[in-house]
C-alpha atoms as a PDB file:
ATOM      1  CA  MET A   1       0.000   0.000   0.000  1.00  0.00           C
ATOM      2  CA  GLU A   2       1.470   3.321  -1.085  1.00  0.00           C
ATOM      3  CA  LEU A   3       1.208   6.428   0.979  1.00  0.00           C
ATOM      4  CA  LYS A   4       0.973   9.641  -0.963  1.00  0.00           C
ATOM      5  CA  LYS A   5       2.838  12.664   0.253  1.00  0.00           C
ATOM      6  CA  TYR A   6       0.980  15.890  -0.296  1.00  0.00           C
ATOM      7  CA  ASN A   7       2.685  19.201  -0.696  1.00  0.00           C
ATOM      8  CA  ASN A   8       1.012  22.215   0.925  1.00  0.00           C
ATOM      9  CA  GLU A   9       1.535  24.206  -2.279  1.00  0.00           C
ATOM     10  CA  ASN A  10      -0.302  21.537  -4.275  1.00  0.00           C
ATOM     11  CA  GLU A  11      -3.233  21.534  -1.885  1.00  0.00           C
ATOM     12  CA  THR A  12      -3.387  25.332  -1.895  1.00  0.00           C
ATOM     13  CA  ASN A  13      -3.324  25.520  -5.693  1.00  0.00           C
ATOM     14  CA  GLU A  14      -5.979  22.831  -5.926  1.00  0.00           C
ATOM     15  CA  PHE A  15      -8.192  24.695  -3.470  1.00  0.00           C
ATOM     16  CA  LEU A  16      -7.731  27.973  -5.346  1.00  0.00           C
ATOM     17  CA  GLN A  17      -8.748  26.286  -8.586  1.00  0.00           C
ATOM     18  CA  LYS A  18     -11.960  24.996  -7.016  1.00  0.00           C
ATOM     19  CA  LEU A  19     -12.768  28.141  -5.000  1.00  0.00           C
ATOM     20  CA  PRO A  20     -15.139  29.846  -7.513  1.00  0.00           C
ATOM     21  CA  ILE A  21     -17.336  26.783  -8.053  1.00  0.00           C
ATOM     22  CA  ILE A  22     -17.411  25.900  -4.349  1.00  0.00           C
ATOM     23  CA  LEU A  23     -18.372  29.458  -3.401  1.00  0.00           C
ATOM     24  CA  SER A  24     -21.081  29.687  -6.055  1.00  0.00           C
ATOM     25  CA  LEU A  25     -22.599  26.285  -5.186  1.00  0.00           C
ATOM     26  CA  VAL A  26     -22.649  26.943  -1.440  1.00  0.00           C
ATOM     27  CA  MET A  27     -24.248  30.353  -1.847  1.00  0.00           C
ATOM     28  CA  THR A  28     -26.786  29.014  -4.349  1.00  0.00           C
ATOM     29  CA  ILE A  29     -27.804  26.260  -1.930  1.00  0.00           C
ATOM     30  CA  ILE A  30     -28.153  28.816   0.871  1.00  0.00           C
ATOM     31  CA  ILE A  31     -30.282  31.090  -1.341  1.00  0.00           C
ATOM     32  CA  GLY A  32     -32.410  28.103  -2.401  1.00  0.00           C
ATOM     33  CA  ILE A  33     -33.007  27.082   1.232  1.00  0.00           C
ATOM     34  CA  ILE A  34     -33.889  30.651   2.253  1.00  0.00           C
ATOM     35  CA  SER A  35     -36.266  31.016  -0.729  1.00  0.00           C
ATOM     36  CA  TYR A  36     -37.913  27.681   0.041  1.00  0.00           C
ATOM     37  CA  ALA A  37     -38.276  28.588   3.727  1.00  0.00           C
ATOM     38  CA  SER A  38     -39.900  31.906   2.829  1.00  0.00           C
ATOM     39  CA  ARG A  39     -42.331  30.024   0.532  1.00  0.00           C
ATOM     40  CA  SER A  40     -41.574  32.138  -2.519  1.00  0.00           C
ATOM     41  CA  ASP A  41     -42.655  31.140  -6.026  1.00  0.00           C
ATOM     42  CA  MET A  42     -40.599  28.334  -7.595  1.00  0.00           C
ATOM     43  CA  ASN A  43     -39.836  30.337 -10.765  1.00  0.00           C
ATOM     44  CA  GLN A  44     -38.577  33.230  -8.678  1.00  0.00           C
ATOM     45  CA  THR A  45     -36.456  30.801  -6.618  1.00  0.00           C
ATOM     46  CA  TYR A  46     -34.906  29.310  -9.775  1.00  0.00           C
ATOM     47  CA  ILE A  47     -34.096  32.764 -11.147  1.00  0.00           C
ATOM     48  CA  ARG A  48     -32.446  33.754  -7.852  1.00  0.00           C
ATOM     49  CA  MET A  49     -30.434  30.539  -7.796  1.00  0.00           C
ATOM     50  CA  ALA A  50     -29.268  30.951 -11.425  1.00  0.00           C
ATOM     51  CA  ALA A  51     -28.299  34.568 -10.795  1.00  0.00           C
ATOM     52  CA  SER A  52     -26.451  33.625  -7.600  1.00  0.00           C
ATOM     53  CA  LEU A  53     -24.519  30.926  -9.474  1.00  0.00           C
ATOM     54  CA  ILE A  54     -23.243  33.479 -11.984  1.00  0.00           C
ATOM     55  CA  VAL A  55     -22.618  36.314  -9.523  1.00  0.00           C
ATOM     56  CA  PHE A  56     -20.843  34.234  -6.910  1.00  0.00           C
ATOM     57  CA  TYR A  57     -18.771  32.430  -9.556  1.00  0.00           C
ATOM     58  CA  ILE A  58     -17.483  35.816 -10.744  1.00  0.00           C
ATOM     59  CA  ILE A  59     -16.813  36.864  -7.130  1.00  0.00           C
ATOM     60  CA  GLY A  60     -14.982  33.561  -6.570  1.00  0.00           C
ATOM     61  CA  MET A  61     -12.816  34.172  -9.649  1.00  0.00           C
ATOM     62  CA  PHE A  62     -11.927  37.622  -8.326  1.00  0.00           C
ATOM     63  CA  ILE A  63     -11.012  36.216  -4.897  1.00  0.00           C
ATOM     64  CA  LYS A  64      -8.975  33.420  -6.520  1.00  0.00           C
ATOM     65  CA  ASN A  65      -6.960  35.910  -8.589  1.00  0.00           C
ATOM     66  CA  VAL A  66      -6.296  38.119  -5.560  1.00  0.00           C
ATOM     67  CA  LEU A  67      -5.119  35.134  -3.490  1.00  0.00           C
ATOM     68  CA  LYS A  68      -2.900  33.867  -6.324  1.00  0.00           C
ATOM     69  CA  GLY A  69      -1.345  37.320  -6.628  1.00  0.00           C
ATOM     70  CA  ILE A  70      -0.612  37.387  -2.906  1.00  0.00           C
ATOM     71  CA  GLU A  71       0.862  33.883  -3.073  1.00  0.00           C
ATOM     72  CA  GLU A  72       3.097  34.861  -6.018  1.00  0.00           C
ATOM     73  CA  GLU A  73       4.343  37.944  -4.154  1.00  0.00           C
ATOM     74  CA  ILE A  74       5.186  35.841  -1.100  1.00  0.00           C
ATOM     75  CA  ASN A  75       7.028  33.278  -3.240  1.00  0.00           C
ATOM     76  CA  GLU A  76       8.938  36.055  -5.037  1.00  0.00           C
ATOM     77  CA  LYS A  77      10.017  37.576  -1.708  1.00  0.00           C
ATOM     78  CA  LYS A  78      11.178  34.141  -0.506  1.00  0.00           C
ATOM     79  CA  ARG A  79      13.194  33.670  -3.714  1.00  0.00           C
ATOM     80  CA  GLN A  80      14.775  37.105  -3.320  1.00  0.00           C
ATOM     81  CA  GLN A  81      15.724  36.362   0.283  1.00  0.00           C
ATOM     82  CA  GLU A  82      17.235  33.018  -0.736  1.00  0.00           C
ATOM     83  CA  ASP A  83      19.136  34.683  -3.595  1.00  0.00           C
ATOM     84  CA  ASN A  84      20.480  37.346  -1.240  1.00  0.00           C
ATOM     85  CA  ALA A  85      21.547  34.672   1.244  1.00  0.00           C
ATOM     86  CA  ASN A  86      23.233  32.682  -1.549  1.00  0.00           C
ATOM     87  CA  LYS A  87      25.044  35.790  -2.800  1.00  0.00           C
ATOM     88  CA  LYS A  88      26.328  36.535   0.700  1.00  0.00           C
ATOM     89  CA  GLU A  89      27.522  32.939   1.086  1.00  0.00           C
ATOM     90  CA  ASN A  90      29.214  33.045  -2.312  1.00  0.00           C
ATOM     91  CA  GLU A  91      30.925  36.332  -1.515  1.00  0.00           C
ATOM     92  CA  SER A  92      32.216  35.026   1.802  1.00  0.00           C
ATOM     93  CA  GLY A  93      33.272  31.781   0.082  1.00  0.00           C
ATOM     94  CA  LYS A  94      35.175  33.711  -2.603  1.00  0.00           C
ATOM     95  CA  THR A  95      37.156  35.701  -0.052  1.00  0.00           C
ATOM     96  CA  GLU A  96      38.022  32.502   1.807  1.00  0.00           C
ATOM     97  CA  ASN A  97      39.089  30.830  -1.446  1.00  0.00           C
ATOM     98  CA  LYS A  98      41.324  33.781  -2.312  1.00  0.00           C
ATOM     99  CA  ILE A  99      43.052  33.476   1.010  1.00  0.00           C
ATOM    100  CA  GLU A 100      43.552  29.743   0.597  1.00  0.00           C
ATOM    101  CA  TYR A 101      45.041  30.014  -2.903  1.00  0.00           C
ATOM    102  CA  ASN A 102      47.723  32.546  -1.964  1.00  0.00           C
ATOM    103  CA  SER A 103      50.523  29.984  -1.934  1.00  0.00           C
ATOM    104  CA  LYS A 104      54.106  30.350  -3.140  1.00  0.00           C
ATOM    105  CA  ILE A 105      54.220  27.518  -5.649  1.00  0.00           C
ATOM    106  CA  ASP A 106      55.809  28.273  -8.989  1.00  0.00           C
ATOM    107  CA  TYR A 107      53.816  26.598 -11.753  1.00  0.00           C
ATOM    108  CA  LYS A 108      56.221  27.299 -14.640  1.00  0.00           C
ATOM    109  CA  VAL A 109      57.320  24.250 -16.577  1.00  0.00           C
ATOM    110  CA  GLY A 110      61.022  23.638 -16.902  1.00  0.00           C
ATOM    111  CA  GLU A 111      62.089  26.034 -14.172  1.00  0.00           C
ATOM    112  CA  PHE A 112      62.790  24.592 -10.764  1.00  0.00           C
ATOM    113  CA  ASN A 113      63.330  26.409  -7.521  1.00  0.00           C
ATOM    114  CA  GLU A 114      66.177  25.559  -5.212  1.00  0.00           C
ATOM    115  CA  GLU A 115      63.712  23.902  -2.866  1.00  0.00           C
ATOM    116  CA  PHE A 116      62.595  21.305  -5.376  1.00  0.00           C
ATOM    117  CA  THR A 117      64.620  18.893  -7.462  1.00  0.00           C
ATOM    118  CA  PRO A 118      62.892  16.434  -9.715  1.00  0.00           C
ATOM    119  CA  LEU A 119      63.135  12.761  -8.852  1.00  0.00           C
ATOM    120  CA  LYS A 120      64.710  10.743 -11.566  1.00  0.00           C
ATOM    121  CA  VAL A 121      62.936   7.429 -11.837  1.00  0.00           C
ATOM    122  CA  SER A 122      65.851   5.658 -13.448  1.00  0.00           C
ATOM    123  CA  GLU A 123      68.142   6.455 -10.522  1.00  0.00           C
ATOM    124  CA  VAL A 124      65.585   5.154  -8.029  1.00  0.00           C
ATOM    125  CA  ILE A 125      65.149   1.935  -9.988  1.00  0.00           C
ATOM    126  CA  LYS A 126      68.929   1.404 -10.242  1.00  0.00           C
ATOM    127  CA  THR A 127      69.440   1.927  -6.537  1.00  0.00           C
ATOM    128  CA  SER A 128      66.583  -0.365  -5.619  1.00  0.00           C
ATOM    129  CA  ILE A 129      67.920  -3.086  -7.941  1.00  0.00           C
ATOM    130  CA  ASN A 130      71.401  -2.690  -6.494  1.00  0.00           C
ATOM    131  CA  ASP A 131      70.008  -2.944  -2.980  1.00  0.00           C
ATOM    132  CA  ASP A 132      68.130  -6.110  -3.911  1.00  0.00           C
ATOM    133  CA  LYS A 133      71.288  -7.670  -5.379  1.00  0.00           C
ATOM    134  CA  LYS A 134      73.290  -6.920  -2.270  1.00  0.00           C
ATOM    135  CA  LYS A 135      70.827  -8.788  -0.098  1.00  0.00           C
END
C-alpha cells in the first residue's frame, strides 16, 4: 500500500482552482433554502439561484486571482531572500578561497626552484635493484 505525500503548495493551488465553483454552489444552496423557507414562487427561486450561481462564480474568480497574486508575491520575496543569502555565502566563500590560494608555488614548466629537485625514476630503480642484489 502506497502512501501519498501531499505538498502544501499543491493543496493550496488545488483549493484555489476549485474556490469559484465551491463558493457559487454553497451560496446558491443557501439562497435556495432561504427562498424555500420563505415560501416564494418556484420560478422566482430558480431565477435567484441561477443569478447567484453566476454572480458568486465571478466573485470567486476575483477572490482566486487576488489570493494567487498574494501567493506569487510571497514566493517572489522568498526567492529574493534566498538569492540574497546565496550571494552573501558566495561572496564570503570567494574571499576565503582567495586566502587559501595565496601559496608560493611556482607553476612554470622547466624552471625549478632551489627547494625542489625532480626525482629521476631511473636512478631510483637502479638503486633499488642494487640494494636487492646486495641482499
